[in-house]
Each structure stands twice: as C-alpha cells, then as structure tokens.
Amino acid sequence: MRRSTGIRRLQPAWFKVALVGLLIMGIIFRFVNLDKKVYWHDEVYTSLRITAHTRSELVERAFNGNIIAPADLQEYQQLDSNRDFWLAMYLAGIEDAQHPPLYYAIARWWVQVFGNSISAIRSLSVFSSLLVFPCLYWLCLELFESRLVGGVAIALVAVSPFQVLFAQEAREYSLWAATLLFCSAALLYAIRRQTKTAWVVYGVSLIVSLYTFLFTGLVAIGHSIYVLAISPSYSLSLTDFRFHKTIVSYIVTSVIALIVLAPWLYFIFTYIEIVRATSGWSSISLPPLITLQLSAFNFSRSFVDFDLKIDDPGAYGLVISILLLQIYSLYFLCSHTSLKVWLFVLTLIGSTALILAIPDLIIGGQRFTVTRYLIPCFLGLQLSTAYLIAAWLSSIHTFWRKMGMAIATLLIAIGILSCVVSSQAETWWSKVVSYDNPKIAKIINASENSIVVSDAFATNPGNVVSLSYLLNENVRLLLLPEVGSSLTVPDIPEQFSNIFILNLPEHYLNQFQEKYRSNLTLIGEKTWHLSRPVEVEG
C-alpha cells in the first residue's frame, strides 16, 4: 500500500468543465499568431540544421564583402534536394553537437511534409507541447495518486505563459518538457510495478529524452539519488554486497541508455572544441545583482510574464509574491507527503538547479540564468504548486477551500492575461539577441536606399538572417568577414544614403563616422544608423 497524499479523489462537476475550458484555451494560445514573433537567432540555426546547411558555409558564401539581398540569405534556410537527411544529421553532429538530433530529425520530415514557413516549422513545437498534458497527468497519478492534482497541474500548465511561449519556438524545448515528464512518470511506474516491460518503457523514454536534449542527464542524476534514497537498506559489507532489485534494474537501464547515446557522444568528444566555442557565452559571468534579478524573474515566468524588465521596480511585487508561493508550496509538499513524493519533486528541481548554479558560483558563468536550461525546475515547481492548491481545494475547512479557489483563480487569470499580451507581441524576452529586430527592421524599411552592414562575429550571422526575414526586398546587405583591427571600412556605393550598422566594434564605428562625415545614431541593441551626406569623399 502506498501512502496517501491526503487529496480526495472526487472532483466537483464545475472543476471538470473549467479544466476542459482552460485546456482548450491553452491550445488556442499555442496556435494563435504563430508567426508573429520574430524568427530569432536560435530558430535560424534550427533551419540551418534541418536543411543541411552550416554556419561556416553561411559565413564563407554570404559574409564575403559582396552586396546581397535578403532573399539571398534565405537560401540557407531552404531544403535542397542534394542535401539529404543523413548529411543534415552528420553536419549537425560536427557543428552543433551539444544539441542532439531527435528534434531536428523530426523537424526535417515535418518541413518536407508541411513546408518551411515560420508557422509550419513552429507548429511542430506546438504539437510537441500538447504531449505535455497526458504526460503530466500520468506523472501526477503515479506521484500523488490524485486526479485532482493532475487536473490542477494541467490547468496551470495550459495557461502558463512560459509553456505557451516555448511551445511557439522552433526549438526542441517543448518536446524536451514532454519527454522529461514521460520519463519521470515511467520511472515511478517501473519502481511500482517491478516488471521488465516497465523498465524497458523507462529506458526507452530516457533514451528519447537524452536524444532530445542532453540536460536530461541532470534529471537522470536526480533519478539516481531518488532511487537510492527510497530503496530499502541493503548490506554494505565488502563480502556481502547485495543490491536491491530496484537499484539493479535502474543501473542496468541507465547503462543501456548511455550505450545507446554513445554515437552522439562520439560527436561531442570529437568536436569538443567547437562545443566549447559555441557554448562559451554561458561561462561569462554577470554581476551578482543582475543574476539574482534574472533568476527571480525566470522562476516567476511559469505563472506571470508581461515581458517586464529587471529595471522596472513595479514588477517586483508580483514576482516576489509568485516566488513566495512556490517556496511555500515546496514546504507544504515536504510536510504533508511521504518521502517518496516530496523527494521526487525536490530531486527533479535540485539536480538541475544545483548543477547549474554551483559552477556559476565557483568558476563564474550565467548558466543558472538561462531559462530553457531550467525547464525541469519549472515543472517541479508547477507540480508542488498544483499539489498545494489541490490540497486546499479538498480541505474539510471552508477557509482553505476558499483560499485554494482564490489562489487558483488568481494564477490562472494572470496566466491568461500574460498569454493574451504575449500573443499580440512581435518580440519577447526569449528572443535575446534578436529582441530589437522588429523595431530595427521597421526603421530600415521606412528609410530610402538602405543598406545593412555587419560582419561574421559571434551571433551576427544568425541575427542578420533573423533580421532578413523582416526586411523589404529592396533593402541590401553588405556582410563582411569578422572585422579585425586591420580591416578597413568598405566603400559603399553612393546610391545607398542610409547605412545601418549591426554590432561592429567601436573602433570600426569611429572609422565609419570619419569616412562618411556623419554621426551614428543608436536605433536598437548594438545597431546604429548613419545618414550619408550627398557628397562623399572617395
């Protein structure tokens, strides 16, 4: 007999009606205005990967000092009959091994069937996000033995602004969330049933999740701690070392999963220098106060997200209230459930949070501020919050039932409002380096005889392609190799009277001003406008 979590099994009729309504609303939010937000830097790399193009090819052919049109950059986002599936996966392993191939393999098939428009590519993530609901419900049944908790969890996730936002992103993170939930539920099922079939289900789900995103390994560490902690005591004598059946099954399953992952690990270790170069930004430290502020905002975004900035003092009342509720939900979970329940949630959260945060504290970095890395933490906190609300709703005391109803209504209302605001926006905080591209593109498109100048440094290639999706066809681009100390300012034909410079070094900007006898005006993040005089010195 498993210990009850204290949540009644019966659900009032209104709850089922409300749940269906919220689920439908959440699905609508995931599909509405699917192509409205900017197709940003990372999504550009999704298209590069699934079409068997590479960053190095893009830089070599497009960033060579020639003047090109936006459509010329789009060629590197299109399927080519001469570049097959296996070439796409091989090139991805060489140039982007930190992102396993499963999502991109599915995405290639998807665009072959449905086309490569922004809506078509993003729709794969939408459909992937719908898998979260049955997986979440199964996990709640295994963990809490309560349909009420499962229903509350689905209601919260359906209108979670964070979940909706990433459901509209042409990346693997919605699929990763679904595989994490399925994998976690499968582990609890295998522990409960102790059959070979159950362990096979867990093993396959673990492999699928690892091939979706490698940070599943952090969750697997949490699973290991959980399995060891809940297993009955066993002898530690060197002459009589007996593993419990659960531990043996778990170890065998995990080892098999690692063996199956070995082909992709080959790419990671073979091209480790490329992996370090492309992920090196995460080791750059942020000021401690910025890190604290970003973390506070990130952990509140599962329930509230109006694209507020950390320098907006009015946002902190709501953010801190959400954080306090989440902290209390963890305390309530630990004090009202058995070890097998609360430990699972804590290891789901802690194995990822600690492994990301500790290196940042010791050697520096910003890993803990990257929201997509923290998806397991957000899922764990949504589970604990759902349990808290369900416990209040099922209380024998009227006050706590009203409290549960009030908190649930408030969280859902804020989530719905956040999703409404986000659905109408052209950009959002998650677009990072491409955040200002819609604003920049409008200014460029409104100017006559415009040309955009940039180089192949860091995120520029992907960000320029992102910008190209928004530019008029008459705009031109002058893309240079990576600007160094010796590269001179190019001679731009006199027909271009408005020059827009994207993320070039300061000394190069000064040279532009001197050569074209005009001052630069900042129009967006690291983007300047130079209005050229009629007469220009040669």
Protein backbone atom coordinates (compact mmCIF):
# COMPACT_ATOMS: atom_id res chain seq x y z
CA MET A 1 0.00 0.00 0.00
CA ARG A 2 1.31 3.40 -0.94
CA ARG A 3 0.81 6.19 1.50
CA SER A 4 -2.00 8.54 0.53
CA THR A 5 -1.18 12.14 -0.23
CA GLY A 6 -4.30 13.31 1.57
CA ILE A 7 -6.04 14.56 -1.57
CA ARG A 8 -9.58 13.38 -2.16
CA ARG A 9 -10.18 11.56 -5.41
CA LEU A 10 -13.58 13.05 -6.25
CA GLN A 11 -13.75 16.18 -8.39
CA PRO A 12 -16.71 18.54 -8.44
CA ALA A 13 -18.54 18.88 -11.77
CA TRP A 14 -17.56 22.53 -12.20
CA PHE A 15 -13.89 21.58 -11.98
CA LYS A 16 -14.11 19.24 -14.97
CA VAL A 17 -15.90 21.87 -17.04
CA ALA A 18 -13.35 24.53 -16.08
CA LEU A 19 -10.46 22.18 -16.84
CA VAL A 20 -11.76 21.42 -20.33
CA GLY A 21 -12.26 25.14 -20.95
CA LEU A 22 -8.74 26.00 -19.81
CA LEU A 23 -7.26 23.18 -21.85
CA ILE A 24 -9.00 24.44 -24.98
CA MET A 25 -7.88 27.97 -24.20
CA GLY A 26 -4.29 26.82 -23.71
CA ILE A 27 -4.32 25.01 -27.06
CA ILE A 28 -5.68 28.14 -28.78
CA PHE A 29 -2.96 30.28 -27.21
CA ARG A 30 -0.34 27.88 -28.58
CA PHE A 31 -1.63 28.22 -32.16
CA VAL A 32 -2.67 31.86 -32.33
CA ASN A 33 -0.32 34.30 -34.12
CA LEU A 34 2.23 31.53 -34.52
CA ASP A 35 4.34 33.53 -36.98
CA LYS A 36 4.01 36.96 -35.36
CA LYS A 37 7.08 36.95 -33.13
CA VAL A 38 10.47 37.41 -34.75
CA TYR A 39 12.13 34.25 -36.06
CA TRP A 40 15.19 34.74 -33.91
CA HIS A 41 18.84 33.71 -33.92
CA ASP A 42 18.45 30.21 -32.45
CA GLU A 43 15.50 29.40 -34.69
CA VAL A 44 17.60 30.40 -37.69
CA TYR A 45 20.04 27.70 -36.62
CA THR A 46 17.17 25.23 -36.46
CA SER A 47 16.53 25.91 -40.15
CA LEU A 48 20.24 25.66 -40.91
CA ARG A 49 20.38 22.26 -39.26
CA ILE A 50 17.32 20.69 -40.80
CA THR A 51 18.27 21.89 -44.30
CA ALA A 52 21.84 20.54 -44.02
CA HIS A 53 23.49 23.97 -44.10
CA THR A 54 26.12 25.13 -41.63
CA ARG A 55 27.26 28.36 -40.07
CA SER A 56 30.67 28.04 -41.71
CA GLU A 57 29.04 27.71 -45.13
CA LEU A 58 26.81 30.72 -44.45
CA VAL A 59 29.80 32.82 -43.40
CA GLU A 60 32.00 31.74 -46.30
CA ARG A 61 29.42 32.38 -49.02
CA ALA A 62 27.45 35.35 -47.68
CA PHE A 63 29.88 37.24 -45.42
CA ASN A 64 32.44 37.98 -48.09
CA GLY A 65 32.05 41.71 -48.70
CA ASN A 66 29.55 41.44 -51.54
CA ILE A 67 26.26 43.32 -51.56
CA ILE A 68 23.30 40.92 -51.42
CA ALA A 69 19.53 40.94 -50.97
CA PRO A 70 17.61 39.49 -48.00
CA ALA A 71 16.38 36.68 -50.24
CA ASP A 72 19.97 35.57 -50.82
CA LEU A 73 20.27 34.74 -47.11
CA GLN A 74 17.03 32.77 -47.21
CA GLU A 75 18.68 30.21 -49.49
CA TYR A 76 20.43 28.84 -46.40
CA GLN A 77 17.04 28.24 -44.77
CA GLN A 78 15.60 26.17 -47.61
CA LEU A 79 15.61 22.43 -48.27
CA ASP A 80 17.98 21.30 -51.01
CA SER A 81 17.35 18.01 -52.82
CA ASN A 82 21.11 17.47 -52.98
CA ARG A 83 21.41 17.56 -49.18
CA ASP A 84 19.76 14.52 -47.68
CA PHE A 85 18.71 13.62 -44.15
CA TRP A 86 21.94 11.84 -43.21
CA LEU A 87 24.08 14.76 -44.33
CA ALA A 88 21.95 17.06 -42.19
CA MET A 89 22.47 14.88 -39.11
CA TYR A 90 26.20 14.49 -39.79
CA LEU A 91 26.77 18.23 -40.22
CA ALA A 92 24.74 18.89 -37.07
CA GLY A 93 26.97 16.49 -35.15
CA ILE A 94 30.08 18.30 -36.34
CA GLU A 95 28.98 21.89 -35.81
CA ASP A 96 26.34 21.74 -33.07
CA ALA A 97 26.85 18.52 -31.10
CA GLN A 98 25.50 20.00 -27.85
CA HIS A 99 22.04 19.73 -29.41
CA PRO A 100 21.12 16.05 -30.02
CA PRO A 101 19.44 15.17 -33.31
CA LEU A 102 15.98 13.81 -32.46
CA TYR A 103 14.01 17.05 -32.67
CA TYR A 104 15.87 18.13 -35.80
CA ALA A 105 15.34 14.77 -37.47
CA ILE A 106 11.60 15.08 -36.84
CA ALA A 107 11.66 18.74 -37.92
CA ARG A 108 13.28 17.86 -41.26
CA TRP A 109 10.50 15.39 -42.01
CA TRP A 110 7.97 17.97 -40.81
CA VAL A 111 9.10 20.70 -43.21
CA GLN A 112 9.23 18.21 -46.08
CA VAL A 113 5.56 17.49 -45.47
CA PHE A 114 4.21 20.87 -44.33
CA GLY A 115 6.66 23.36 -45.82
CA ASN A 116 9.26 25.60 -44.23
CA SER A 117 7.25 28.71 -43.40
CA ILE A 118 7.69 30.08 -39.91
CA SER A 119 4.22 28.86 -38.92
CA ALA A 120 4.88 25.38 -40.30
CA ILE A 121 8.20 24.95 -38.51
CA ARG A 122 6.89 26.31 -35.21
CA SER A 123 3.77 24.16 -35.40
CA LEU A 124 5.93 21.11 -34.66
CA SER A 125 6.74 22.60 -31.26
CA VAL A 126 3.07 23.36 -30.70
CA PHE A 127 2.07 19.76 -31.30
CA SER A 128 5.00 18.60 -29.15
CA SER A 129 3.79 20.82 -26.32
CA LEU A 130 0.39 19.11 -26.39
CA LEU A 131 2.11 15.88 -25.36
CA VAL A 132 2.92 17.60 -22.06
CA PHE A 133 -0.69 17.29 -20.88
CA PRO A 134 -1.10 13.47 -20.87
CA CYS A 135 2.46 13.02 -19.61
CA LEU A 136 1.90 15.49 -16.79
CA TYR A 137 -1.38 13.84 -15.82
CA TRP A 138 0.27 10.39 -15.73
CA LEU A 139 3.09 11.72 -13.56
CA CYS A 140 0.58 13.20 -11.10
CA LEU A 141 -1.28 9.89 -10.89
CA GLU A 142 1.94 7.99 -10.23
CA LEU A 143 3.31 10.52 -7.76
CA PHE A 144 0.24 11.80 -5.91
CA GLU A 145 -2.39 9.14 -6.70
CA SER A 146 -4.77 12.02 -7.29
CA ARG A 147 -6.73 13.03 -10.35
CA LEU A 148 -7.45 16.34 -8.68
CA VAL A 149 -3.73 17.20 -8.51
CA GLY A 150 -3.38 16.12 -12.13
CA GLY A 151 -6.28 18.32 -13.16
CA VAL A 152 -4.94 21.36 -11.31
CA ALA A 153 -1.48 20.79 -12.80
CA ILE A 154 -2.91 20.64 -16.33
CA ALA A 155 -4.93 23.82 -15.70
CA LEU A 156 -1.81 25.68 -14.55
CA VAL A 157 0.37 24.44 -17.40
CA ALA A 158 -2.32 25.04 -20.04
CA VAL A 159 -2.19 28.81 -19.49
CA SER A 160 1.40 29.01 -18.24
CA PRO A 161 2.97 31.90 -20.19
CA PHE A 162 6.35 30.19 -20.16
CA GLN A 163 4.98 26.93 -21.53
CA VAL A 164 2.99 28.75 -24.23
CA LEU A 165 5.97 30.89 -25.19
CA PHE A 166 8.28 27.94 -25.75
CA ALA A 167 5.51 25.99 -27.47
CA GLN A 168 5.82 28.62 -30.23
CA GLU A 169 9.59 28.34 -30.55
CA ALA A 170 11.19 26.33 -33.36
CA ARG A 171 13.49 24.56 -30.92
CA GLU A 172 13.46 21.27 -29.04
CA TYR A 173 12.37 22.52 -25.62
CA SER A 174 8.65 21.71 -25.75
CA LEU A 175 9.46 18.18 -26.86
CA TRP A 176 12.06 18.01 -24.09
CA ALA A 177 9.47 19.01 -21.45
CA ALA A 178 7.14 16.25 -22.65
CA THR A 179 9.89 13.61 -22.64
CA LEU A 180 11.01 14.66 -19.16
CA LEU A 181 7.50 14.24 -17.77
CA PHE A 182 7.02 10.89 -19.51
CA CYS A 183 10.44 9.66 -18.39
CA SER A 184 9.72 10.69 -14.78
CA ALA A 185 6.32 9.02 -14.75
CA ALA A 186 7.81 5.91 -16.34
CA LEU A 187 10.42 5.69 -13.57
CA LEU A 188 7.76 5.79 -10.85
CA TYR A 189 5.72 3.23 -12.79
CA ALA A 190 8.73 0.92 -13.10
CA ILE A 191 9.52 1.21 -9.40
CA ARG A 192 5.92 0.40 -8.54
CA ARG A 193 5.40 -2.47 -11.00
CA GLN A 194 8.91 -4.01 -10.99
CA THR A 195 8.44 -5.70 -14.36
CA LYS A 196 10.84 -5.93 -17.28
CA THR A 197 8.32 -4.22 -19.53
CA ALA A 198 8.05 -1.26 -17.16
CA TRP A 199 11.83 -0.84 -17.01
CA VAL A 200 12.03 -1.08 -20.80
CA VAL A 201 9.48 1.73 -21.05
CA TYR A 202 11.59 3.84 -18.70
CA GLY A 203 14.79 3.01 -20.58
CA VAL A 204 13.34 3.91 -23.97
CA SER A 205 11.86 7.15 -22.62
CA LEU A 206 15.22 8.06 -21.05
CA ILE A 207 16.99 7.48 -24.38
CA VAL A 208 14.39 9.55 -26.24
CA SER A 209 14.78 12.39 -23.74
CA LEU A 210 18.59 12.28 -23.90
CA TYR A 211 18.45 12.41 -27.69
CA THR A 212 16.12 15.41 -27.39
CA PHE A 213 18.32 17.47 -25.04
CA LEU A 214 21.45 16.42 -23.20
CA PHE A 215 20.45 18.13 -19.96
CA THR A 216 18.20 15.15 -19.38
CA GLY A 217 21.39 13.81 -17.87
CA LEU A 218 20.97 16.26 -14.98
CA VAL A 219 17.47 14.93 -14.34
CA ALA A 220 18.82 11.38 -14.54
CA ILE A 221 21.24 12.25 -11.74
CA GLY A 222 18.21 13.28 -9.69
CA HIS A 223 16.54 9.98 -10.57
CA SER A 224 19.63 8.14 -9.33
CA ILE A 225 19.55 9.94 -5.99
CA TYR A 226 15.84 9.24 -5.68
CA VAL A 227 16.18 5.51 -6.43
CA LEU A 228 18.99 5.11 -3.92
CA ALA A 229 17.13 7.06 -1.24
CA ILE A 230 13.82 5.19 -1.41
CA SER A 231 15.24 1.68 -1.76
CA PRO A 232 15.24 -0.47 1.39
CA SER A 233 18.54 -0.65 3.24
CA TYR A 234 20.98 -3.23 2.00
CA SER A 235 24.27 -4.64 3.18
CA LEU A 236 27.38 -2.58 2.53
CA SER A 237 29.76 -5.34 3.59
CA LEU A 238 32.56 -5.95 1.08
CA THR A 239 31.89 -9.68 1.35
CA ASP A 240 28.12 -9.39 1.14
CA PHE A 241 27.16 -6.51 -1.14
CA ARG A 242 23.56 -7.04 -2.22
CA PHE A 243 21.76 -4.53 -4.38
CA HIS A 244 18.05 -4.12 -4.10
CA LYS A 245 16.15 -5.19 -7.24
CA THR A 246 15.10 -1.60 -7.99
CA ILE A 247 18.70 -0.39 -7.89
CA VAL A 248 19.93 -3.21 -10.14
CA SER A 249 17.16 -2.56 -12.64
CA TYR A 250 17.84 1.15 -12.60
CA ILE A 251 21.59 0.74 -13.11
CA VAL A 252 21.14 -1.72 -15.97
CA THR A 253 18.59 0.55 -17.65
CA SER A 254 20.79 3.64 -17.26
CA VAL A 255 23.88 1.89 -18.61
CA ILE A 256 21.97 0.69 -21.67
CA ALA A 257 20.71 4.24 -22.23
CA LEU A 258 24.29 5.56 -22.14
CA ILE A 259 25.41 2.88 -24.59
CA VAL A 260 22.63 3.87 -27.00
CA LEU A 261 23.67 7.52 -26.60
CA ALA A 262 27.29 6.65 -27.45
CA PRO A 263 27.07 7.51 -31.18
CA TRP A 264 26.17 11.09 -30.33
CA LEU A 265 28.69 11.24 -27.51
CA TYR A 266 31.27 10.46 -30.18
CA PHE A 267 30.45 13.75 -31.91
CA ILE A 268 30.57 15.65 -28.62
CA PHE A 269 34.02 14.40 -27.63
CA THR A 270 35.44 14.50 -31.16
CA TYR A 271 34.35 18.10 -31.73
CA ILE A 272 34.61 19.27 -28.13
CA GLU A 273 36.45 22.46 -29.12
CA ILE A 274 33.54 23.51 -31.33
CA VAL A 275 31.13 22.70 -28.49
CA ARG A 276 33.16 24.89 -26.14
CA ALA A 277 33.33 27.71 -28.65
CA THR A 278 29.59 27.73 -29.37
CA SER A 279 28.58 27.44 -25.71
CA GLY A 280 31.34 29.62 -24.27
CA TRP A 281 28.94 32.52 -23.72
CA SER A 282 27.39 30.62 -20.79
CA SER A 283 30.68 30.84 -18.86
CA ILE A 284 30.71 34.65 -18.97
CA SER A 285 29.78 35.95 -15.53
CA LEU A 286 27.07 38.52 -14.91
CA PRO A 287 27.07 40.98 -11.98
CA PRO A 288 25.66 39.22 -8.88
CA LEU A 289 22.71 41.61 -8.63
CA ILE A 290 21.78 41.03 -12.30
CA THR A 291 22.00 37.27 -11.77
CA LEU A 292 19.72 37.49 -8.73
CA GLN A 293 17.21 39.67 -10.55
CA LEU A 294 17.15 37.48 -13.66
CA SER A 295 16.71 34.37 -11.54
CA ALA A 296 13.77 35.90 -9.69
CA PHE A 297 12.06 36.81 -12.96
CA ASN A 298 12.81 33.42 -14.53
CA PHE A 299 11.27 31.41 -11.68
CA SER A 300 8.10 33.51 -11.75
CA ARG A 301 7.54 33.20 -15.51
CA SER A 302 5.71 29.90 -15.24
CA PHE A 303 2.78 31.90 -13.86
CA VAL A 304 3.26 35.54 -14.87
CA ASP A 305 5.07 37.11 -17.82
CA PHE A 306 4.42 40.55 -19.27
CA ASP A 307 7.91 40.92 -20.78
CA LEU A 308 8.82 43.20 -17.88
CA LYS A 309 12.42 44.30 -17.46
CA ILE A 310 14.51 43.80 -14.35
CA ASP A 311 14.91 47.57 -14.00
CA ASP A 312 11.13 48.00 -13.62
CA PRO A 313 10.54 48.37 -9.85
CA GLY A 314 6.81 47.88 -10.25
CA ALA A 315 7.31 44.29 -11.39
CA TYR A 316 8.91 43.02 -8.22
CA GLY A 317 5.76 42.91 -6.07
CA LEU A 318 4.17 40.34 -8.38
CA VAL A 319 7.41 38.45 -8.99
CA ILE A 320 8.22 38.12 -5.29
CA SER A 321 4.66 37.03 -4.49
CA ILE A 322 4.92 34.19 -7.02
CA LEU A 323 8.32 33.16 -5.63
CA LEU A 324 7.00 33.08 -2.06
CA LEU A 325 4.04 30.95 -3.15
CA GLN A 326 6.39 28.48 -4.86
CA ILE A 327 8.66 28.28 -1.82
CA TYR A 328 5.68 27.70 0.46
CA SER A 329 4.34 25.02 -1.90
CA LEU A 330 7.61 23.11 -1.51
CA TYR A 331 7.42 23.43 2.28
CA PHE A 332 3.80 22.28 2.24
CA LEU A 333 4.68 19.33 -0.01
CA CYS A 334 7.52 18.21 2.27
CA SER A 335 5.39 18.49 5.40
CA HIS A 336 2.27 16.75 4.05
CA THR A 337 3.55 13.91 1.88
CA SER A 338 5.81 10.91 2.29
CA LEU A 339 9.49 10.76 1.38
CA LYS A 340 8.70 9.04 -1.91
CA VAL A 341 6.59 12.00 -3.00
CA TRP A 342 8.43 15.10 -1.87
CA LEU A 343 11.89 13.72 -2.59
CA PHE A 344 10.99 13.08 -6.21
CA VAL A 345 9.93 16.70 -6.72
CA LEU A 346 12.97 18.05 -4.89
CA THR A 347 15.40 15.93 -6.90
CA LEU A 348 13.66 16.97 -10.14
CA ILE A 349 14.25 20.59 -9.21
CA GLY A 350 17.52 20.33 -7.32
CA SER A 351 19.55 18.10 -9.63
CA THR A 352 19.28 20.69 -12.40
CA ALA A 353 19.35 23.84 -10.27
CA LEU A 354 22.38 22.89 -8.19
CA ILE A 355 24.45 21.51 -11.05
CA LEU A 356 23.91 24.74 -12.98
CA ALA A 357 24.27 27.13 -10.04
CA ILE A 358 27.35 25.68 -8.33
CA PRO A 359 29.74 26.16 -11.30
CA ASP A 360 28.45 29.72 -11.69
CA LEU A 361 29.32 30.42 -8.05
CA ILE A 362 32.73 28.72 -8.15
CA ILE A 363 34.17 29.47 -11.59
CA GLY A 364 31.72 32.05 -12.88
CA GLY A 365 29.11 31.97 -15.59
CA GLN A 366 25.42 32.55 -16.32
CA ARG A 367 24.12 29.00 -16.74
CA PHE A 368 21.59 29.40 -13.95
CA THR A 369 20.01 32.41 -15.66
CA VAL A 370 19.24 30.54 -18.91
CA THR A 371 15.52 29.77 -18.73
CA ARG A 372 15.47 26.85 -21.17
CA TYR A 373 18.02 25.01 -19.05
CA LEU A 374 15.70 25.32 -16.05
CA ILE A 375 12.64 23.63 -17.54
CA PRO A 376 12.90 20.66 -15.10
CA CYS A 377 12.88 23.15 -12.21
CA PHE A 378 9.82 24.93 -13.54
CA LEU A 379 7.97 21.63 -14.00
CA GLY A 380 8.82 20.60 -10.44
CA LEU A 381 7.56 23.90 -9.03
CA GLN A 382 4.35 23.62 -11.04
CA LEU A 383 3.85 20.15 -9.55
CA SER A 384 4.32 21.40 -5.99
CA THR A 385 2.03 24.38 -6.60
CA ALA A 386 -0.63 22.11 -8.09
CA TYR A 387 -0.43 19.85 -5.03
CA LEU A 388 -0.80 22.83 -2.68
CA ILE A 389 -3.87 24.14 -4.49
CA ALA A 390 -5.44 20.67 -4.74
CA ALA A 391 -4.88 20.10 -1.02
CA TRP A 392 -6.59 23.38 -0.20
CA LEU A 393 -9.47 22.69 -2.58
CA SER A 394 -10.09 19.30 -0.94
CA SER A 395 -9.77 20.57 2.64
CA ILE A 396 -12.59 19.96 5.10
CA HIS A 397 -12.22 23.59 6.21
CA THR A 398 -14.13 26.22 4.28
CA PHE A 399 -11.38 28.82 4.71
CA TRP A 400 -8.75 26.68 2.99
CA ARG A 401 -11.14 25.69 0.20
CA LYS A 402 -11.76 29.38 -0.45
CA MET A 403 -8.02 30.03 -0.25
CA GLY A 404 -7.33 27.31 -2.81
CA MET A 405 -10.02 28.69 -5.11
CA ALA A 406 -8.67 32.24 -4.77
CA ILE A 407 -5.06 31.27 -5.47
CA ALA A 408 -6.02 29.05 -8.40
CA THR A 409 -8.23 31.75 -9.89
CA LEU A 410 -5.52 34.39 -9.46
CA LEU A 411 -2.77 32.28 -11.03
CA ILE A 412 -4.96 31.24 -13.94
CA ALA A 413 -6.19 34.80 -14.54
CA ILE A 414 -2.64 36.18 -14.51
CA GLY A 415 -1.52 33.37 -16.80
CA ILE A 416 -4.35 34.06 -19.28
CA LEU A 417 -3.65 37.80 -19.27
CA SER A 418 0.07 37.13 -19.80
CA CYS A 419 -0.69 34.86 -22.76
CA VAL A 420 -3.05 37.46 -24.28
CA VAL A 421 -0.39 40.18 -24.08
CA SER A 422 2.33 37.88 -25.41
CA SER A 423 0.18 36.66 -28.32
CA GLN A 424 -0.01 40.21 -29.71
CA ALA A 425 3.71 40.97 -29.43
CA GLU A 426 6.29 40.93 -32.22
CA THR A 427 9.11 40.16 -29.82
CA TRP A 428 9.63 38.91 -26.27
CA TRP A 429 12.43 38.48 -23.74
CA SER A 430 13.11 34.93 -25.02
CA LYS A 431 14.33 36.31 -28.37
CA VAL A 432 17.53 37.53 -26.65
CA VAL A 433 19.95 38.92 -29.29
CA SER A 434 17.13 39.33 -31.83
CA TYR A 435 14.80 41.15 -29.43
CA ASP A 436 15.07 44.54 -31.18
CA ASN A 437 14.94 43.19 -34.74
CA PRO A 438 11.26 44.08 -35.38
CA LYS A 439 11.87 47.69 -34.30
CA ILE A 440 15.13 47.88 -36.28
CA ALA A 441 13.51 46.40 -39.40
CA LYS A 442 10.69 48.96 -39.33
CA ILE A 443 13.20 51.82 -39.26
CA ILE A 444 15.26 50.28 -42.08
CA ASN A 445 12.20 49.56 -44.22
CA ALA A 446 10.92 53.12 -43.75
CA SER A 447 14.23 54.59 -44.96
CA GLU A 448 15.10 55.04 -48.62
CA ASN A 449 18.14 53.45 -50.27
CA SER A 450 19.01 51.40 -47.16
CA ILE A 451 21.93 49.06 -46.68
CA VAL A 452 22.78 46.95 -43.61
CA VAL A 453 26.44 46.40 -42.74
CA SER A 454 27.57 43.65 -40.37
CA ASP A 455 30.24 41.01 -40.01
CA ALA A 456 30.64 37.32 -39.10
CA PHE A 457 31.45 37.89 -35.42
CA ALA A 458 29.76 35.66 -32.80
CA THR A 459 25.94 35.83 -33.09
CA ASN A 460 25.92 38.24 -36.05
CA PRO A 461 25.39 35.65 -38.83
CA GLY A 462 22.32 34.13 -37.19
CA ASN A 463 20.98 37.51 -36.14
CA VAL A 464 21.41 39.01 -39.63
CA VAL A 465 19.46 36.10 -41.12
CA SER A 466 16.80 36.67 -38.45
CA LEU A 467 16.64 40.35 -39.47
CA SER A 468 16.41 39.39 -43.15
CA TYR A 469 13.01 37.76 -42.53
CA LEU A 470 11.67 41.23 -41.69
CA LEU A 471 13.36 43.38 -44.36
CA ASN A 472 11.80 44.64 -47.57
CA GLU A 473 13.17 43.13 -50.75
CA ASN A 474 14.69 46.46 -51.86
CA VAL A 475 16.97 46.62 -48.78
CA ARG A 476 20.53 45.45 -49.34
CA LEU A 477 23.13 43.91 -47.04
CA LEU A 478 26.92 44.28 -47.04
CA LEU A 479 28.23 41.41 -44.93
CA LEU A 480 31.92 41.28 -44.07
CA PRO A 481 34.24 38.61 -42.70
CA GLU A 482 34.86 39.01 -38.99
CA VAL A 483 36.13 42.56 -38.51
CA GLY A 484 39.61 42.79 -37.02
CA SER A 485 41.98 45.63 -36.35
CA SER A 486 43.29 45.63 -39.94
CA LEU A 487 40.05 45.51 -41.96
CA THR A 488 39.23 48.90 -43.45
CA VAL A 489 35.81 50.46 -43.83
CA PRO A 490 34.31 49.38 -47.16
CA ASP A 491 33.42 51.74 -49.97
CA ILE A 492 29.65 51.74 -50.06
CA PRO A 493 28.11 52.79 -53.40
CA GLU A 494 26.71 56.33 -53.37
CA GLN A 495 23.19 55.09 -54.14
CA PHE A 496 22.85 53.97 -50.51
CA SER A 497 22.09 57.07 -48.47
CA ASN A 498 21.07 55.28 -45.25
CA ILE A 499 23.63 52.96 -43.71
CA PHE A 500 22.66 50.70 -40.82
CA ILE A 501 25.47 49.08 -38.87
CA LEU A 502 24.78 45.94 -36.82
CA ASN A 503 27.12 45.02 -33.96
CA LEU A 504 30.52 46.14 -35.21
CA PRO A 505 33.38 47.09 -32.84
CA GLU A 506 33.73 50.64 -31.55
CA HIS A 507 36.93 51.44 -33.43
CA TYR A 508 35.21 50.41 -36.65
CA LEU A 509 32.22 52.61 -35.89
CA ASN A 510 34.55 55.58 -35.44
CA GLN A 511 36.10 54.87 -38.83
CA PHE A 512 32.64 54.87 -40.40
CA GLN A 513 31.87 58.29 -38.95
CA GLU A 514 35.15 59.70 -40.16
CA LYS A 515 34.88 58.27 -43.66
CA TYR A 516 31.28 59.25 -44.28
CA ARG A 517 31.37 62.51 -42.29
CA SER A 518 28.24 61.74 -40.30
CA ASN A 519 27.39 60.83 -36.74
CA LEU A 520 25.92 57.48 -35.78
CA THR A 521 22.51 57.23 -34.08
CA LEU A 522 21.69 54.21 -31.93
CA ILE A 523 18.35 52.72 -33.10
CA GLY A 524 18.38 49.37 -31.30
CA GLU A 525 20.54 46.87 -29.45
CA LYS A 526 24.06 47.38 -30.91
CA THR A 527 22.57 48.80 -34.10
CA TRP A 528 23.39 52.27 -35.46
CA HIS A 529 22.09 54.45 -38.27
CA LEU A 530 24.29 56.69 -40.39
CA SER A 531 22.60 59.13 -42.75
CA ARG A 532 25.00 59.74 -45.57
CA PRO A 533 25.71 63.26 -46.95
CA VAL A 534 25.03 63.83 -50.60
CA GLU A 535 28.69 64.31 -51.37
CA VAL A 536 31.10 61.72 -50.09
CA GLU A 537 34.86 61.74 -50.15
CA GLY A 538 36.31 58.83 -52.04
